[in-house]
PDB file of N, CA and C in Angstrom:
ATOM      1  N   MET A   1      20.148 -10.624 -18.071  1.00  0.00           N
ATOM      2  CA  MET A   1      19.255  -9.492 -18.244  1.00  0.00           C
ATOM      3  C   MET A   1      19.564  -8.822 -19.579  1.00  0.00           C
ATOM      4  N   SER A   2      18.550  -8.219 -20.141  1.00  0.00           N
ATOM      5  CA  SER A   2      18.754  -7.553 -21.424  1.00  0.00           C
ATOM      6  C   SER A   2      18.282  -6.109 -21.340  1.00  0.00           C
ATOM      7  N   LEU A   3      18.727  -5.330 -22.307  1.00  0.00           N
ATOM      8  CA  LEU A   3      18.306  -3.936 -22.371  1.00  0.00           C
ATOM      9  C   LEU A   3      16.819  -3.869 -22.678  1.00  0.00           C
ATOM     10  N   LEU A   4      16.151  -2.897 -22.086  1.00  0.00           N
ATOM     11  CA  LEU A   4      14.731  -2.686 -22.319  1.00  0.00           C
ATOM     12  C   LEU A   4      14.536  -1.577 -23.338  1.00  0.00           C
ATOM     13  N   THR A   5      13.530  -1.732 -24.178  1.00  0.00           N
ATOM     14  CA  THR A   5      13.164  -0.642 -25.073  1.00  0.00           C
ATOM     15  C   THR A   5      12.365   0.384 -24.285  1.00  0.00           C
ATOM     16  N   GLN A   6      12.260   1.582 -24.816  1.00  0.00           N
ATOM     17  CA  GLN A   6      11.476   2.619 -24.153  1.00  0.00           C
ATOM     18  C   GLN A   6      10.021   2.171 -23.992  1.00  0.00           C
ATOM     19  N   SER A   7       9.480   1.510 -24.994  1.00  0.00           N
ATOM     20  CA  SER A   7       8.096   1.013 -24.925  1.00  0.00           C
ATOM     21  C   SER A   7       7.931   0.002 -23.795  1.00  0.00           C
ATOM     22  N   GLU A   8       8.911  -0.888 -23.633  1.00  0.00           N
ATOM     23  CA  GLU A   8       8.842  -1.880 -22.562  1.00  0.00           C
ATOM     24  C   GLU A   8       8.891  -1.216 -21.190  1.00  0.00           C
ATOM     25  N   VAL A   9       9.742  -0.210 -21.047  1.00  0.00           N
ATOM     26  CA  VAL A   9       9.856   0.502 -19.769  1.00  0.00           C
ATOM     27  C   VAL A   9       8.513   1.113 -19.387  1.00  0.00           C
ATOM     28  N   TYR A  10       7.921   1.858 -20.306  1.00  0.00           N
ATOM     29  CA  TYR A  10       6.668   2.532 -19.979  1.00  0.00           C
ATOM     30  C   TYR A  10       5.503   1.562 -19.851  1.00  0.00           C
ATOM     31  N   ALA A  11       5.534   0.446 -20.573  1.00  0.00           N
ATOM     32  CA  ALA A  11       4.499  -0.577 -20.413  1.00  0.00           C
ATOM     33  C   ALA A  11       4.563  -1.172 -19.002  1.00  0.00           C
ATOM     34  N   GLU A  12       5.772  -1.422 -18.495  1.00  0.00           N
ATOM     35  CA  GLU A  12       5.924  -1.973 -17.139  1.00  0.00           C
ATOM     36  C   GLU A  12       5.510  -0.956 -16.074  1.00  0.00           C
ATOM     37  N   ILE A  13       5.852   0.314 -16.287  1.00  0.00           N
ATOM     38  CA  ILE A  13       5.436   1.352 -15.345  1.00  0.00           C
ATOM     39  C   ILE A  13       3.913   1.434 -15.310  1.00  0.00           C
ATOM     40  N   THR A  14       3.288   1.448 -16.477  1.00  0.00           N
ATOM     41  CA  THR A  14       1.821   1.525 -16.568  1.00  0.00           C
ATOM     42  C   THR A  14       1.169   0.320 -15.905  1.00  0.00           C
ATOM     43  N   LYS A  15       1.722  -0.861 -16.152  1.00  0.00           N
ATOM     44  CA  LYS A  15       1.184  -2.083 -15.546  1.00  0.00           C
ATOM     45  C   LYS A  15       1.281  -2.019 -14.024  1.00  0.00           C
ATOM     46  N   ALA A  16       2.442  -1.619 -13.514  1.00  0.00           N
ATOM     47  CA  ALA A  16       2.623  -1.523 -12.058  1.00  0.00           C
ATOM     48  C   ALA A  16       1.649  -0.522 -11.460  1.00  0.00           C
ATOM     49  N   GLN A  17       1.488   0.630 -12.111  1.00  0.00           N
ATOM     50  CA  GLN A  17       0.567   1.647 -11.601  1.00  0.00           C
ATOM     51  C   GLN A  17      -0.873   1.140 -11.599  1.00  0.00           C
ATOM     52  N   SER A  18      -1.267   0.428 -12.645  1.00  0.00           N
ATOM     53  CA  SER A  18      -2.646  -0.082 -12.710  1.00  0.00           C
ATOM     54  C   SER A  18      -2.905  -1.135 -11.635  1.00  0.00           C
ATOM     55  N   GLU A  19      -1.850  -1.783 -11.172  1.00  0.00           N
ATOM     56  CA  GLU A  19      -1.966  -2.787 -10.116  1.00  0.00           C
ATOM     57  C   GLU A  19      -1.710  -2.197  -8.729  1.00  0.00           C
ATOM     58  N   GLY A  20      -1.462  -0.891  -8.664  1.00  0.00           N
ATOM     59  CA  GLY A  20      -1.229  -0.233  -7.387  1.00  0.00           C
ATOM     60  C   GLY A  20       0.130  -0.535  -6.775  1.00  0.00           C
ATOM     61  N   ARG A  21       1.082  -0.919  -7.615  1.00  0.00           N
ATOM     62  CA  ARG A  21       2.430  -1.219  -7.120  1.00  0.00           C
ATOM     63  C   ARG A  21       3.376  -0.096  -7.504  1.00  0.00           C
ATOM     64  N   ARG A  22       4.359   0.162  -6.628  1.00  0.00           N
ATOM     65  CA  ARG A  22       5.393   1.142  -6.948  1.00  0.00           C
ATOM     66  C   ARG A  22       6.545   0.446  -7.646  1.00  0.00           C
ATOM     67  N   ILE A  23       7.289   1.225  -8.418  1.00  0.00           N
ATOM     68  CA  ILE A  23       8.413   0.690  -9.173  1.00  0.00           C
ATOM     69  C   ILE A  23       9.528   1.734  -9.178  1.00  0.00           C
ATOM     70  N   ALA A  24      10.758   1.276  -9.039  1.00  0.00           N
ATOM     71  CA  ALA A  24      11.914   2.170  -9.140  1.00  0.00           C
ATOM     72  C   ALA A  24      12.520   1.985 -10.528  1.00  0.00           C
ATOM     73  N   VAL A  25      12.804   3.108 -11.170  1.00  0.00           N
ATOM     74  CA  VAL A  25      13.429   3.085 -12.497  1.00  0.00           C
ATOM     75  C   VAL A  25      14.821   3.688 -12.353  1.00  0.00           C
ATOM     76  N   ALA A  26      15.836   2.861 -12.571  1.00  0.00           N
ATOM     77  CA  ALA A  26      17.228   3.292 -12.485  1.00  0.00           C
ATOM     78  C   ALA A  26      17.751   3.487 -13.905  1.00  0.00           C
ATOM     79  N   THR A  27      18.258   4.691 -14.179  1.00  0.00           N
ATOM     80  CA  THR A  27      18.731   5.034 -15.517  1.00  0.00           C
ATOM     81  C   THR A  27      20.167   5.541 -15.442  1.00  0.00           C
ATOM     82  N   ILE A  28      21.041   4.989 -16.265  1.00  0.00           N
ATOM     83  CA  ILE A  28      22.409   5.504 -16.341  1.00  0.00           C
ATOM     84  C   ILE A  28      22.341   6.867 -17.016  1.00  0.00           C
ATOM     85  N   VAL A  29      22.841   7.903 -16.309  1.00  0.00           N
ATOM     86  CA  VAL A  29      22.776   9.261 -16.863  1.00  0.00           C
ATOM     87  C   VAL A  29      24.126   9.776 -17.339  1.00  0.00           C
ATOM     88  N   THR A  30      25.216   9.280 -16.789  1.00  0.00           N
ATOM     89  CA  THR A  30      26.548   9.642 -17.295  1.00  0.00           C
ATOM     90  C   THR A  30      27.485   8.453 -17.133  1.00  0.00           C
ATOM     91  N   THR A  31      28.454   8.375 -18.039  1.00  0.00           N
ATOM     92  CA  THR A  31      29.513   7.380 -17.911  1.00  0.00           C
ATOM     93  C   THR A  31      30.830   8.031 -18.307  1.00  0.00           C
ATOM     94  N   SER A  32      31.907   7.503 -17.762  1.00  0.00           N
ATOM     95  CA  SER A  32      33.242   7.889 -18.215  1.00  0.00           C
ATOM     96  C   SER A  32      34.129   6.660 -18.082  1.00  0.00           C
ATOM     97  N   GLY A  33      35.070   6.538 -18.994  1.00  0.00           N
ATOM     98  CA  GLY A  33      35.912   5.354 -19.000  1.00  0.00           C
ATOM     99  C   GLY A  33      35.120   4.136 -19.447  1.00  0.00           C
ATOM    100  N   SER A  34      35.606   2.983 -19.080  1.00  0.00           N
ATOM    101  CA  SER A  34      34.983   1.725 -19.485  1.00  0.00           C
ATOM    102  C   SER A  34      33.860   1.355 -18.516  1.00  0.00           C
ATOM    103  N   THR A  35      32.656   1.174 -19.057  1.00  0.00           N
ATOM    104  CA  THR A  35      31.495   0.766 -18.267  1.00  0.00           C
ATOM    105  C   THR A  35      30.753  -0.328 -19.027  1.00  0.00           C
ATOM    106  N   PRO A  36      30.025  -1.204 -18.319  1.00  0.00           N
ATOM    107  CA  PRO A  36      29.363  -2.314 -18.992  1.00  0.00           C
ATOM    108  C   PRO A  36      28.145  -1.906 -19.824  1.00  0.00           C
ATOM    109  N   GLN A  37      27.563  -0.762 -19.545  1.00  0.00           N
ATOM    110  CA  GLN A  37      26.424  -0.259 -20.318  1.00  0.00           C
ATOM    111  C   GLN A  37      26.618   1.222 -20.580  1.00  0.00           C
ATOM    112  N   ARG A  38      25.834   1.728 -21.492  1.00  0.00           N
ATOM    113  CA  ARG A  38      25.926   3.127 -21.892  1.00  0.00           C
ATOM    114  C   ARG A  38      24.815   3.963 -21.265  1.00  0.00           C
ATOM    115  N   THR A  39      24.948   5.265 -21.405  1.00  0.00           N
ATOM    116  CA  THR A  39      23.933   6.201 -20.936  1.00  0.00           C
ATOM    117  C   THR A  39      22.579   5.801 -21.510  1.00  0.00           C
ATOM    118  N   GLY A  40      21.551   5.846 -20.643  1.00  0.00           N
ATOM    119  CA  GLY A  40      20.192   5.515 -21.066  1.00  0.00           C
ATOM    120  C   GLY A  40      19.750   4.116 -20.701  1.00  0.00           C
ATOM    121  N   ALA A  41      20.689   3.207 -20.404  1.00  0.00           N
ATOM    122  CA  ALA A  41      20.310   1.850 -20.009  1.00  0.00           C
ATOM    123  C   ALA A  41      19.498   1.916 -18.718  1.00  0.00           C
ATOM    124  N   LYS A  42      18.495   1.041 -18.606  1.00  0.00           N
ATOM    125  CA  LYS A  42      17.586   1.101 -17.463  1.00  0.00           C
ATOM    126  C   LYS A  42      17.453  -0.252 -16.766  1.00  0.00           C
ATOM    127  N   LEU A  43      17.269  -0.169 -15.455  1.00  0.00           N
ATOM    128  CA  LEU A  43      16.950  -1.319 -14.623  1.00  0.00           C
ATOM    129  C   LEU A  43      15.681  -0.975 -13.863  1.00  0.00           C
ATOM    130  N   LEU A  44      14.657  -1.815 -13.985  1.00  0.00           N
ATOM    131  CA  LEU A  44      13.427  -1.626 -13.230  1.00  0.00           C
ATOM    132  C   LEU A  44      13.483  -2.525 -12.010  1.00  0.00           C
ATOM    133  N   VAL A  45      13.141  -1.967 -10.843  1.00  0.00           N
ATOM    134  CA  VAL A  45      13.136  -2.738  -9.608  1.00  0.00           C
ATOM    135  C   VAL A  45      11.749  -2.594  -8.981  1.00  0.00           C
ATOM    136  N   PHE A  46      11.107  -3.731  -8.761  1.00  0.00           N
ATOM    137  CA  PHE A  46       9.763  -3.760  -8.203  1.00  0.00           C
ATOM    138  C   PHE A  46       9.831  -3.922  -6.686  1.00  0.00           C
ATOM    139  N   GLU A  47       8.732  -3.625  -6.011  1.00  0.00           N
ATOM    140  CA  GLU A  47       8.705  -3.688  -4.547  1.00  0.00           C
ATOM    141  C   GLU A  47       9.041  -5.077  -4.011  1.00  0.00           C
ATOM    142  N   ASP A  48       8.722  -6.122  -4.764  1.00  0.00           N
ATOM    143  CA  ASP A  48       9.016  -7.477  -4.312  1.00  0.00           C
ATOM    144  C   ASP A  48      10.465  -7.896  -4.601  1.00  0.00           C
ATOM    145  N   GLY A  49      11.270  -6.976  -5.171  1.00  0.00           N
ATOM    146  CA  GLY A  49      12.671  -7.255  -5.455  1.00  0.00           C
ATOM    147  C   GLY A  49      12.934  -7.727  -6.867  1.00  0.00           C
ATOM    148  N   LYS A  50      11.880  -8.047  -7.606  1.00  0.00           N
ATOM    149  CA  LYS A  50      12.046  -8.482  -9.002  1.00  0.00           C
ATOM    150  C   LYS A  50      12.703  -7.372  -9.806  1.00  0.00           C
ATOM    151  N   MET A  51      13.506  -7.769 -10.817  1.00  0.00           N
ATOM    152  CA  MET A  51      14.190  -6.800 -11.676  1.00  0.00           C
ATOM    153  C   MET A  51      13.890  -7.100 -13.136  1.00  0.00           C
ATOM    154  N   MET A  52      13.951  -6.047 -13.950  1.00  0.00           N
ATOM    155  CA  MET A  52      13.893  -6.178 -15.403  1.00  0.00           C
ATOM    156  C   MET A  52      14.896  -5.199 -15.981  1.00  0.00           C
ATOM    157  N   GLY A  53      15.532  -5.584 -17.081  1.00  0.00           N
ATOM    158  CA  GLY A  53      16.508  -4.708 -17.707  1.00  0.00           C
ATOM    159  C   GLY A  53      17.878  -4.916 -17.107  1.00  0.00           C
ATOM    160  N   THR A  54      18.790  -3.976 -17.417  1.00  0.00           N
ATOM    161  CA  THR A  54      20.151  -4.086 -16.905  1.00  0.00           C
ATOM    162  C   THR A  54      20.861  -2.735 -16.961  1.00  0.00           C
ATOM    163  N   VAL A  55      21.723  -2.531 -15.999  1.00  0.00           N
ATOM    164  CA  VAL A  55      22.638  -1.388 -16.035  1.00  0.00           C
ATOM    165  C   VAL A  55      24.081  -1.884 -16.064  1.00  0.00           C
ATOM    166  N   GLY A  56      24.249  -3.192 -16.268  1.00  0.00           N
ATOM    167  CA  GLY A  56      25.598  -3.691 -16.437  1.00  0.00           C
ATOM    168  C   GLY A  56      25.904  -5.031 -15.823  1.00  0.00           C
ATOM    169  N   GLY A  57      25.071  -5.518 -14.950  1.00  0.00           N
ATOM    170  CA  GLY A  57      25.331  -6.815 -14.342  1.00  0.00           C
ATOM    171  C   GLY A  57      26.355  -6.742 -13.216  1.00  0.00           C
ATOM    172  N   GLY A  58      26.595  -7.873 -12.623  1.00  0.00           N
ATOM    173  CA  GLY A  58      27.625  -8.021 -11.594  1.00  0.00           C
ATOM    174  C   GLY A  58      27.444  -7.126 -10.384  1.00  0.00           C
ATOM    175  N   CYS A  59      28.585  -6.687  -9.853  1.00  0.00           N
ATOM    176  CA  CYS A  59      28.608  -5.908  -8.614  1.00  0.00           C
ATOM    177  C   CYS A  59      27.831  -4.603  -8.739  1.00  0.00           C
ATOM    178  N   VAL A  60      27.999  -3.891  -9.850  1.00  0.00           N
ATOM    179  CA  VAL A  60      27.335  -2.596  -9.974  1.00  0.00           C
ATOM    180  C   VAL A  60      25.817  -2.771 -10.038  1.00  0.00           C
ATOM    181  N   GLU A  61      25.355  -3.820 -10.691  1.00  0.00           N
ATOM    182  CA  GLU A  61      23.907  -4.046 -10.758  1.00  0.00           C
ATOM    183  C   GLU A  61      23.348  -4.359  -9.370  1.00  0.00           C
ATOM    184  N   ALA A  62      24.086  -5.119  -8.577  1.00  0.00           N
ATOM    185  CA  ALA A  62      23.664  -5.405  -7.205  1.00  0.00           C
ATOM    186  C   ALA A  62      23.610  -4.121  -6.384  1.00  0.00           C
ATOM    187  N   ASP A  63      24.584  -3.241  -6.572  1.00  0.00           N
ATOM    188  CA  ASP A  63      24.586  -1.964  -5.844  1.00  0.00           C
ATOM    189  C   ASP A  63      23.416  -1.077  -6.275  1.00  0.00           C
ATOM    190  N   VAL A  64      23.131  -1.040  -7.570  1.00  0.00           N
ATOM    191  CA  VAL A  64      21.996  -0.242  -8.067  1.00  0.00           C
ATOM    192  C   VAL A  64      20.695  -0.821  -7.527  1.00  0.00           C
ATOM    193  N   TRP A  65      20.566  -2.142  -7.507  1.00  0.00           N
ATOM    194  CA  TRP A  65      19.374  -2.800  -6.974  1.00  0.00           C
ATOM    195  C   TRP A  65      19.156  -2.385  -5.513  1.00  0.00           C
ATOM    196  N   THR A  66      20.233  -2.397  -4.725  1.00  0.00           N
ATOM    197  CA  THR A  66      20.134  -2.004  -3.307  1.00  0.00           C
ATOM    198  C   THR A  66      19.693  -0.552  -3.178  1.00  0.00           C
ATOM    199  N   GLU A  67      20.278   0.340  -3.965  1.00  0.00           N
ATOM    200  CA  GLU A  67      19.897   1.755  -3.931  1.00  0.00           C
ATOM    201  C   GLU A  67      18.441   1.938  -4.363  1.00  0.00           C
ATOM    202  N   ALA A  68      18.008   1.170  -5.350  1.00  0.00           N
ATOM    203  CA  ALA A  68      16.620   1.261  -5.822  1.00  0.00           C
ATOM    204  C   ALA A  68      15.660   0.785  -4.735  1.00  0.00           C
ATOM    205  N   ARG A  69      16.013  -0.272  -4.044  1.00  0.00           N
ATOM    206  CA  ARG A  69      15.169  -0.754  -2.934  1.00  0.00           C
ATOM    207  C   ARG A  69      15.081   0.302  -1.825  1.00  0.00           C
ATOM    208  N   ASP A  70      16.213   0.959  -1.536  1.00  0.00           N
ATOM    209  CA  ASP A  70      16.203   2.038  -0.536  1.00  0.00           C
ATOM    210  C   ASP A  70      15.333   3.199  -1.010  1.00  0.00           C
ATOM    211  N   ALA A  71      15.419   3.540  -2.293  1.00  0.00           N
ATOM    212  CA  ALA A  71      14.596   4.622  -2.842  1.00  0.00           C
ATOM    213  C   ALA A  71      13.117   4.281  -2.710  1.00  0.00           C
ATOM    214  N   LEU A  72      12.762   3.014  -2.949  1.00  0.00           N
ATOM    215  CA  LEU A  72      11.370   2.585  -2.787  1.00  0.00           C
ATOM    216  C   LEU A  72      10.928   2.706  -1.329  1.00  0.00           C
ATOM    217  N   THR A  73      11.795   2.295  -0.416  1.00  0.00           N
ATOM    218  CA  THR A  73      11.470   2.370   1.012  1.00  0.00           C
ATOM    219  C   THR A  73      11.255   3.819   1.452  1.00  0.00           C
ATOM    220  N   GLU A  74      12.132   4.712   0.985  1.00  0.00           N
ATOM    221  CA  GLU A  74      12.061   6.129   1.368  1.00  0.00           C
ATOM    222  C   GLU A  74      11.109   6.930   0.481  1.00  0.00           C
ATOM    223  N   ASN A  75      10.686   6.330  -0.636  1.00  0.00           N
ATOM    224  CA  ASN A  75       9.826   6.999  -1.611  1.00  0.00           C
ATOM    225  C   ASN A  75      10.435   8.319  -2.084  1.00  0.00           C
ATOM    226  N   ARG A  76      11.758   8.265  -2.350  1.00  0.00           N
ATOM    227  CA  ARG A  76      12.499   9.459  -2.777  1.00  0.00           C
ATOM    228  C   ARG A  76      13.471   9.101  -3.890  1.00  0.00           C
ATOM    229  N   PRO A  77      13.592   9.965  -4.889  1.00  0.00           N
ATOM    230  CA  PRO A  77      14.574   9.719  -5.943  1.00  0.00           C
ATOM    231  C   PRO A  77      15.985   9.951  -5.411  1.00  0.00           C
ATOM    232  N   ARG A  78      16.960   9.465  -6.153  1.00  0.00           N
ATOM    233  CA  ARG A  78      18.353   9.664  -5.754  1.00  0.00           C
ATOM    234  C   ARG A  78      19.270   9.568  -6.962  1.00  0.00           C
ATOM    235  N   LEU A  79      20.391  10.254  -6.866  1.00  0.00           N
ATOM    236  CA  LEU A  79      21.438  10.185  -7.875  1.00  0.00           C
ATOM    237  C   LEU A  79      22.626   9.486  -7.222  1.00  0.00           C
ATOM    238  N   CYS A  80      23.069   8.381  -7.809  1.00  0.00           N
ATOM    239  CA  CYS A  80      24.145   7.579  -7.227  1.00  0.00           C
ATOM    240  C   CYS A  80      25.346   7.557  -8.166  1.00  0.00           C
ATOM    241  N   ARG A  81      26.520   7.570  -7.588  1.00  0.00           N
ATOM    242  CA  ARG A  81      27.760   7.489  -8.357  1.00  0.00           C
ATOM    243  C   ARG A  81      28.451   6.170  -8.034  1.00  0.00           C
ATOM    244  N   PHE A  82      28.951   5.516  -9.082  1.00  0.00           N
ATOM    245  CA  PHE A  82      29.612   4.225  -8.916  1.00  0.00           C
ATOM    246  C   PHE A  82      30.961   4.244  -9.614  1.00  0.00           C
ATOM    247  N   THR A  83      31.973   3.757  -8.915  1.00  0.00           N
ATOM    248  CA  THR A  83      33.310   3.601  -9.474  1.00  0.00           C
ATOM    249  C   THR A  83      33.509   2.119  -9.744  1.00  0.00           C
ATOM    250  N   LEU A  84      33.841   1.795 -10.975  1.00  0.00           N
ATOM    251  CA  LEU A  84      33.925   0.399 -11.394  1.00  0.00           C
ATOM    252  C   LEU A  84      35.365  -0.096 -11.422  1.00  0.00           C
ATOM    253  N   ARG A  85      36.042   0.146 -10.305  1.00  0.00           N
ATOM    254  CA  ARG A  85      37.403  -0.380 -10.138  1.00  0.00           C
ATOM    255  C   ARG A  85      37.588  -0.688  -8.655  1.00  0.00           C
ATOM    256  N   ASP A  86      38.445  -1.648  -8.399  1.00  0.00           N
ATOM    257  CA  ASP A  86      38.694  -2.065  -7.022  1.00  0.00           C
ATOM    258  C   ASP A  86      39.497  -1.022  -6.255  1.00  0.00           C
ATOM    259  N   ALA A  87      39.370  -1.063  -4.956  1.00  0.00           N
ATOM    260  CA  ALA A  87      40.194  -0.235  -4.085  1.00  0.00           C
ATOM    261  C   ALA A  87      41.645  -0.693  -4.220  1.00  0.00           C
ATOM    262  N   PRO A  88      42.591   0.205  -3.984  1.00  0.00           N
ATOM    263  CA  PRO A  88      44.016  -0.144  -4.154  1.00  0.00           C
ATOM    264  C   PRO A  88      44.477  -1.319  -3.299  1.00  0.00           C
ATOM    265  N   ASP A  89      43.793  -1.604  -2.183  1.00  0.00           N
ATOM    266  CA  ASP A  89      44.247  -2.676  -1.298  1.00  0.00           C
ATOM    267  C   ASP A  89      43.722  -4.068  -1.690  1.00  0.00           C
ATOM    268  N   VAL A  90      42.960  -4.177  -2.782  1.00  0.00           N
ATOM    269  CA  VAL A  90      42.480  -5.486  -3.240  1.00  0.00           C
ATOM    270  C   VAL A  90      43.606  -6.172  -4.002  1.00  0.00           C
ATOM    271  N   PRO A  91      43.986  -7.393  -3.583  1.00  0.00           N
ATOM    272  CA  PRO A  91      45.076  -8.107  -4.271  1.00  0.00           C
ATOM    273  C   PRO A  91      44.731  -8.356  -5.739  1.00  0.00           C
ATOM    274  N   PRO A  92      45.721  -8.289  -6.632  1.00  0.00           N
ATOM    275  CA  PRO A  92      45.462  -8.439  -8.064  1.00  0.00           C
ATOM    276  C   PRO A  92      44.898  -9.798  -8.454  1.00  0.00           C
ATOM    277  N   ASP A  93      45.124 -10.842  -7.629  1.00  0.00           N
ATOM    278  CA  ASP A  93      44.629 -12.167  -7.982  1.00  0.00           C
ATOM    279  C   ASP A  93      43.168 -12.382  -7.569  1.00  0.00           C
ATOM    280  N   GLU A  94      42.573 -11.420  -6.861  1.00  0.00           N
ATOM    281  CA  GLU A  94      41.163 -11.529  -6.484  1.00  0.00           C
ATOM    282  C   GLU A  94      40.304 -10.898  -7.560  1.00  0.00           C
ATOM    283  N   GLU A  95      39.239 -11.629  -7.918  1.00  0.00           N
ATOM    284  CA  GLU A  95      38.331 -11.115  -8.938  1.00  0.00           C
ATOM    285  C   GLU A  95      37.510  -9.983  -8.344  1.00  0.00           C
ATOM    286  N   GLY A  96      37.288  -8.947  -9.121  1.00  0.00           N
ATOM    287  CA  GLY A  96      36.514  -7.819  -8.634  1.00  0.00           C
ATOM    288  C   GLY A  96      36.058  -6.943  -9.776  1.00  0.00           C
ATOM    289  N   MET A  97      36.036  -5.643  -9.545  1.00  0.00           N
ATOM    290  CA  MET A  97      35.600  -4.684 -10.547  1.00  0.00           C
ATOM    291  C   MET A  97      36.705  -4.526 -11.587  1.00  0.00           C
ATOM    292  N   ILE A  98      36.385  -4.829 -12.839  1.00  0.00           N
ATOM    293  CA  ILE A  98      37.423  -4.817 -13.866  1.00  0.00           C
ATOM    294  C   ILE A  98      37.221  -3.751 -14.935  1.00  0.00           C
ATOM    295  N   CYS A  99      36.034  -3.146 -15.007  1.00  0.00           N
ATOM    296  CA  CYS A  99      35.765  -2.188 -16.089  1.00  0.00           C
ATOM    297  C   CYS A  99      36.679  -0.968 -16.004  1.00  0.00           C
ATOM    298  N   GLY A 100      36.765  -0.377 -14.812  1.00  0.00           N
ATOM    299  CA  GLY A 100      37.661   0.753 -14.616  1.00  0.00           C
ATOM    300  C   GLY A 100      37.044   2.126 -14.779  1.00  0.00           C
ATOM    301  N   GLY A 101      35.795   2.218 -15.201  1.00  0.00           N
ATOM    302  CA  GLY A 101      35.161   3.516 -15.422  1.00  0.00           C
ATOM    303  C   GLY A 101      34.326   3.980 -14.243  1.00  0.00           C
ATOM    304  N   ASP A 102      33.539   5.001 -14.513  1.00  0.00           N
ATOM    305  CA  ASP A 102      32.625   5.574 -13.520  1.00  0.00           C
ATOM    306  C   ASP A 102      31.267   5.778 -14.181  1.00  0.00           C
ATOM    307  N   MET A 103      30.213   5.722 -13.366  1.00  0.00           N
ATOM    308  CA  MET A 103      28.890   6.028 -13.904  1.00  0.00           C
ATOM    309  C   MET A 103      27.994   6.611 -12.831  1.00  0.00           C
ATOM    310  N   GLU A 104      27.049   7.422 -13.288  1.00  0.00           N
ATOM    311  CA  GLU A 104      26.021   7.966 -12.415  1.00  0.00           C
ATOM    312  C   GLU A 104      24.690   7.357 -12.836  1.00  0.00           C
ATOM    313  N   VAL A 105      23.884   7.009 -11.837  1.00  0.00           N
ATOM    314  CA  VAL A 105      22.584   6.398 -12.079  1.00  0.00           C
ATOM    315  C   VAL A 105      21.536   7.196 -11.311  1.00  0.00           C
ATOM    316  N   PHE A 106      20.517   7.650 -12.046  1.00  0.00           N
ATOM    317  CA  PHE A 106      19.400   8.338 -11.409  1.00  0.00           C
ATOM    318  C   PHE A 106      18.305   7.327 -11.164  1.00  0.00           C
ATOM    319  N   ILE A 107      17.806   7.288  -9.940  1.00  0.00           N
ATOM    320  CA  ILE A 107      16.746   6.344  -9.559  1.00  0.00           C
ATOM    321  C   ILE A 107      15.524   7.149  -9.170  1.00  0.00           C
ATOM    322  N   GLU A 108      14.427   6.888  -9.888  1.00  0.00           N
ATOM    323  CA  GLU A 108      13.176   7.560  -9.575  1.00  0.00           C
ATOM    324  C   GLU A 108      12.138   6.523  -9.183  1.00  0.00           C
ATOM    325  N   VAL A 109      11.210   6.939  -8.325  1.00  0.00           N
ATOM    326  CA  VAL A 109      10.157   6.037  -7.847  1.00  0.00           C
ATOM    327  C   VAL A 109       8.842   6.459  -8.492  1.00  0.00           C
ATOM    328  N   TRP A 110       8.195   5.501  -9.132  1.00  0.00           N
ATOM    329  CA  TRP A 110       6.884   5.729  -9.725  1.00  0.00           C
ATOM    330  C   TRP A 110       5.854   5.094  -8.811  1.00  0.00           C
ATOM    331  N   SER A 111       4.879   5.887  -8.389  1.00  0.00           N
ATOM    332  CA  SER A 111       3.829   5.382  -7.491  1.00  0.00           C
ATOM    333  C   SER A 111       2.567   5.092  -8.254  1.00  0.00           C
TER     334      SER A 111
END
C-alpha cells in the first residue's frame, strides 16, 4: 500500500458518494515514539472491505481496518489509540510489534 495524496482521497470519497457507497476514512492524528507512518497518513476502507492507502501496514493496519469496518457498521466516527509494542509476556523470539511507539487514528464515515 502507498500513501494517498489529498486529491486521491477526495476523488475516492466523491466516487463512492456518487455510487451510493459509504467509505471510512482513517487518519493518523497523533504519533509518539517510533511509528510506521506519520500524522496525516490515511487508509480508506470501503464497505466491501477493499482498502486504499496506508497507516503503516502489518498488525496496526489490520486493527485500523477492523475499527473502520465497525465504524461503517455503526455509522459512527471513532478515535482509536494503538500501542505499537508487544505485551510484556510475549517471548522475545516471537515476531510482533517492533516499532515501539503510539498513535491515535480518527475514523470518519462518509455516506
